[in-house]
Amino acid sequence: MYLKRNISLGKMKVKIIVFLIVFNFFASHQINSSENLQGNFTDIKVLDKISSKNLLIQLKNGDEIRYKDLLIKSMKCTNSQFDDNPEITAYIQVRDLDSKNKNDVYVFNGWMFSSSPSIKPFDHPVYDIWLVACY
């Protein structure tokens, strides 16, 4: 009688240990996947409307890059957690260095969306900017 109780108690401990291992695996996988949503680099494509040339620029978040008359800075970028319709968002600041008033006013300062650039468009007479990737 005592032997049967010990065997059933041992089986129950094994089931609990297996459950905890599986739960820990899935919980750590979920944490790691949410960390991958934030990126350190942002890829944008800049189109010069006058010459019809475009250039892919890789920005490190927090650094500024000068492209002709524009000073472009990516502050933060994120990827969506949905695989079926990926959404890339980035907080981008753009200054026009050729403006007449010379008072550090941003031509664009806000969130840019890769799938819907018309939500908050970049409006400039010479250049156009699209968000391409975040990694």
C-alpha atoms as a PDB file:
ATOM      1  CA  MET A   1       0.000   0.000   0.000  1.00  0.00           C
ATOM      2  CA  TYR A   2       2.776   2.451   0.866  1.00  0.00           C
ATOM      3  CA  LEU A   3       4.593   1.450  -2.309  1.00  0.00           C
ATOM      4  CA  LYS A   4       1.646   2.431  -4.522  1.00  0.00           C
ATOM      5  CA  ARG A   5       1.387   5.845  -2.854  1.00  0.00           C
ATOM      6  CA  ASN A   6       5.101   6.508  -3.346  1.00  0.00           C
ATOM      7  CA  ILE A   7       4.922   5.518  -7.023  1.00  0.00           C
ATOM      8  CA  SER A   8       1.924   7.771  -7.703  1.00  0.00           C
ATOM      9  CA  LEU A   9       3.581  10.615  -5.788  1.00  0.00           C
ATOM     10  CA  GLY A  10       6.762  10.148  -7.841  1.00  0.00           C
ATOM     11  CA  LYS A  11       4.790  10.221 -11.107  1.00  0.00           C
ATOM     12  CA  MET A  12       3.095  13.413  -9.996  1.00  0.00           C
ATOM     13  CA  LYS A  13       6.475  15.062  -9.255  1.00  0.00           C
ATOM     14  CA  VAL A  14       7.754  14.114 -12.705  1.00  0.00           C
ATOM     15  CA  LYS A  15       4.649  15.632 -14.337  1.00  0.00           C
ATOM     16  CA  ILE A  16       5.080  18.856 -12.365  1.00  0.00           C
ATOM     17  CA  ILE A  17       8.753  19.115 -13.308  1.00  0.00           C
ATOM     18  CA  VAL A  18       7.995  18.511 -17.007  1.00  0.00           C
ATOM     19  CA  PHE A  19       5.219  21.134 -16.875  1.00  0.00           C
ATOM     20  CA  LEU A  20       7.557  23.691 -15.294  1.00  0.00           C
ATOM     21  CA  ILE A  21      10.255  23.044 -17.911  1.00  0.00           C
ATOM     22  CA  VAL A  22       7.804  23.446 -20.799  1.00  0.00           C
ATOM     23  CA  PHE A  23       6.261  26.562 -19.232  1.00  0.00           C
ATOM     24  CA  ASN A  24       9.713  28.103 -18.704  1.00  0.00           C
ATOM     25  CA  PHE A  25      10.641  27.408 -22.338  1.00  0.00           C
ATOM     26  CA  PHE A  26       7.537  29.139 -23.714  1.00  0.00           C
ATOM     27  CA  ALA A  27       7.798  32.054 -21.295  1.00  0.00           C
ATOM     28  CA  SER A  28      11.442  32.706 -22.187  1.00  0.00           C
ATOM     29  CA  HIS A  29      10.642  32.420 -25.920  1.00  0.00           C
ATOM     30  CA  GLN A  30       7.913  35.074 -25.558  1.00  0.00           C
ATOM     31  CA  ILE A  31      10.300  37.426 -23.743  1.00  0.00           C
ATOM     32  CA  ASN A  32      13.002  36.977 -26.393  1.00  0.00           C
ATOM     33  CA  SER A  33      10.559  37.595 -29.238  1.00  0.00           C
ATOM     34  CA  SER A  34       9.374  40.867 -27.684  1.00  0.00           C
ATOM     35  CA  GLU A  35      12.992  42.026 -27.368  1.00  0.00           C
ATOM     36  CA  ASN A  36      13.455  41.494 -31.113  1.00  0.00           C
ATOM     37  CA  LEU A  37      10.726  44.040 -31.881  1.00  0.00           C
ATOM     38  CA  GLN A  38      13.026  46.984 -31.098  1.00  0.00           C
ATOM     39  CA  GLY A  39      15.759  47.672 -33.625  1.00  0.00           C
ATOM     40  CA  ASN A  40      19.081  49.484 -33.491  1.00  0.00           C
ATOM     41  CA  PHE A  41      19.224  50.388 -37.182  1.00  0.00           C
ATOM     42  CA  THR A  42      16.700  51.973 -39.528  1.00  0.00           C
ATOM     43  CA  ASP A  43      16.817  51.748 -43.316  1.00  0.00           C
ATOM     44  CA  ILE A  44      15.203  54.573 -45.251  1.00  0.00           C
ATOM     45  CA  LYS A  45      15.062  55.298 -48.949  1.00  0.00           C
ATOM     46  CA  VAL A  46      15.563  58.903 -50.068  1.00  0.00           C
ATOM     47  CA  LEU A  47      14.370  60.019 -53.494  1.00  0.00           C
ATOM     48  CA  ASP A  48      15.758  63.142 -55.125  1.00  0.00           C
ATOM     49  CA  LYS A  49      12.788  64.338 -57.212  1.00  0.00           C
ATOM     50  CA  ILE A  50      14.908  66.565 -59.447  1.00  0.00           C
ATOM     51  CA  SER A  51      17.452  63.964 -60.559  1.00  0.00           C
ATOM     52  CA  SER A  52      15.145  60.930 -60.046  1.00  0.00           C
ATOM     53  CA  LYS A  53      17.881  59.135 -58.104  1.00  0.00           C
ATOM     54  CA  ASN A  54      17.126  57.190 -54.951  1.00  0.00           C
ATOM     55  CA  LEU A  55      19.498  56.034 -52.254  1.00  0.00           C
ATOM     56  CA  LEU A  56      19.095  53.504 -49.445  1.00  0.00           C
ATOM     57  CA  ILE A  57      20.478  54.944 -46.206  1.00  0.00           C
ATOM     58  CA  GLN A  58      21.167  52.948 -43.058  1.00  0.00           C
ATOM     59  CA  LEU A  59      20.765  55.009 -39.900  1.00  0.00           C
ATOM     60  CA  LYS A  60      21.936  53.976 -36.471  1.00  0.00           C
ATOM     61  CA  ASN A  61      19.290  55.083 -33.993  1.00  0.00           C
ATOM     62  CA  GLY A  62      20.387  58.280 -32.294  1.00  0.00           C
ATOM     63  CA  ASP A  63      22.934  59.302 -34.966  1.00  0.00           C
ATOM     64  CA  GLU A  64      22.445  62.025 -37.565  1.00  0.00           C
ATOM     65  CA  ILE A  65      23.340  61.614 -41.233  1.00  0.00           C
ATOM     66  CA  ARG A  66      23.651  64.417 -43.727  1.00  0.00           C
ATOM     67  CA  TYR A  67      22.278  63.718 -47.200  1.00  0.00           C
ATOM     68  CA  LYS A  68      22.750  66.700 -49.503  1.00  0.00           C
ATOM     69  CA  ASP A  69      20.626  69.464 -47.867  1.00  0.00           C
ATOM     70  CA  LEU A  70      18.888  67.199 -45.335  1.00  0.00           C
ATOM     71  CA  LEU A  71      19.991  66.248 -41.831  1.00  0.00           C
ATOM     72  CA  ILE A  72      18.231  62.946 -40.998  1.00  0.00           C
ATOM     73  CA  LYS A  73      18.063  61.343 -37.569  1.00  0.00           C
ATOM     74  CA  SER A  74      16.281  58.159 -36.525  1.00  0.00           C
ATOM     75  CA  MET A  75      15.436  58.125 -32.838  1.00  0.00           C
ATOM     76  CA  LYS A  76      13.697  54.752 -32.480  1.00  0.00           C
ATOM     77  CA  CYS A  77      12.326  51.965 -34.668  1.00  0.00           C
ATOM     78  CA  THR A  78      10.118  48.970 -33.985  1.00  0.00           C
ATOM     79  CA  ASN A  79       8.809  45.948 -35.861  1.00  0.00           C
ATOM     80  CA  SER A  80       5.317  44.600 -35.378  1.00  0.00           C
ATOM     81  CA  GLN A  81       4.769  41.254 -33.688  1.00  0.00           C
ATOM     82  CA  PHE A  82       2.396  40.068 -36.419  1.00  0.00           C
ATOM     83  CA  ASP A  83       4.006  38.017 -39.177  1.00  0.00           C
ATOM     84  CA  ASP A  84       1.123  38.070 -41.654  1.00  0.00           C
ATOM     85  CA  ASN A  85       1.134  41.867 -42.133  1.00  0.00           C
ATOM     86  CA  PRO A  86       4.428  43.303 -40.896  1.00  0.00           C
ATOM     87  CA  GLU A  87       4.417  46.931 -39.818  1.00  0.00           C
ATOM     88  CA  ILE A  88       7.602  48.917 -39.349  1.00  0.00           C
ATOM     89  CA  THR A  89       7.461  52.199 -37.463  1.00  0.00           C
ATOM     90  CA  ALA A  90      10.248  54.668 -36.785  1.00  0.00           C
ATOM     91  CA  TYR A  91      10.533  58.026 -35.084  1.00  0.00           C
ATOM     92  CA  ILE A  92      12.425  60.215 -37.551  1.00  0.00           C
ATOM     93  CA  GLN A  93      13.555  63.829 -37.461  1.00  0.00           C
ATOM     94  CA  VAL A  94      14.538  65.664 -40.653  1.00  0.00           C
ATOM     95  CA  ARG A  95      15.935  69.188 -40.918  1.00  0.00           C
ATOM     96  CA  ASP A  96      16.382  71.148 -44.134  1.00  0.00           C
ATOM     97  CA  LEU A  97      19.771  72.862 -44.009  1.00  0.00           C
ATOM     98  CA  ASP A  98      19.035  74.943 -47.105  1.00  0.00           C
ATOM     99  CA  SER A  99      15.998  76.724 -45.656  1.00  0.00           C
ATOM    100  CA  LYS A 100      15.961  80.508 -45.724  1.00  0.00           C
ATOM    101  CA  ASN A 101      15.151  81.111 -42.052  1.00  0.00           C
ATOM    102  CA  LYS A 102      18.079  78.989 -40.663  1.00  0.00           C
ATOM    103  CA  ASN A 103      16.337  78.340 -37.366  1.00  0.00           C
ATOM    104  CA  ASP A 104      16.688  74.580 -36.704  1.00  0.00           C
ATOM    105  CA  VAL A 105      13.025  73.875 -37.447  1.00  0.00           C
ATOM    106  CA  TYR A 106      12.293  70.294 -38.394  1.00  0.00           C
ATOM    107  CA  VAL A 107      10.764  69.651 -41.803  1.00  0.00           C
ATOM    108  CA  PHE A 108       9.568  66.316 -40.419  1.00  0.00           C
ATOM    109  CA  ASN A 109       9.445  65.282 -36.771  1.00  0.00           C
ATOM    110  CA  GLY A 110       7.350  62.251 -35.915  1.00  0.00           C
ATOM    111  CA  TRP A 111       6.491  58.615 -36.462  1.00  0.00           C
ATOM    112  CA  MET A 112       6.783  57.183 -39.945  1.00  0.00           C
ATOM    113  CA  PHE A 113       4.909  54.000 -40.944  1.00  0.00           C
ATOM    114  CA  SER A 114       6.168  51.667 -43.677  1.00  0.00           C
ATOM    115  CA  SER A 115       2.798  50.297 -44.782  1.00  0.00           C
ATOM    116  CA  SER A 116       0.947  53.637 -44.690  1.00  0.00           C
ATOM    117  CA  PRO A 117       3.239  56.560 -45.506  1.00  0.00           C
ATOM    118  CA  SER A 118       0.229  58.814 -46.080  1.00  0.00           C
ATOM    119  CA  ILE A 119      -0.734  58.792 -42.372  1.00  0.00           C
ATOM    120  CA  LYS A 120       1.953  61.380 -41.649  1.00  0.00           C
ATOM    121  CA  PRO A 121       3.692  62.182 -44.943  1.00  0.00           C
ATOM    122  CA  PHE A 122       7.111  63.696 -45.417  1.00  0.00           C
ATOM    123  CA  ASP A 123       6.402  66.868 -47.392  1.00  0.00           C
ATOM    124  CA  HIS A 124       9.368  68.421 -49.181  1.00  0.00           C
ATOM    125  CA  PRO A 125       9.618  70.014 -52.642  1.00  0.00           C
ATOM    126  CA  VAL A 126      12.891  68.267 -53.577  1.00  0.00           C
ATOM    127  CA  TYR A 127      13.142  65.043 -51.529  1.00  0.00           C
ATOM    128  CA  ASP A 128      10.910  62.152 -50.567  1.00  0.00           C
ATOM    129  CA  ILE A 129      11.634  59.648 -47.772  1.00  0.00           C
ATOM    130  CA  TRP A 130      10.254  56.111 -47.224  1.00  0.00           C
ATOM    131  CA  LEU A 131      10.771  53.788 -44.309  1.00  0.00           C
ATOM    132  CA  VAL A 132      12.107  50.424 -45.512  1.00  0.00           C
ATOM    133  CA  ALA A 133      13.386  48.305 -42.590  1.00  0.00           C
ATOM    134  CA  CYS A 134      14.172  48.152 -38.898  1.00  0.00           C
ATOM    135  CA  TYR A 135      16.681  45.710 -37.409  1.00  0.00           C
END
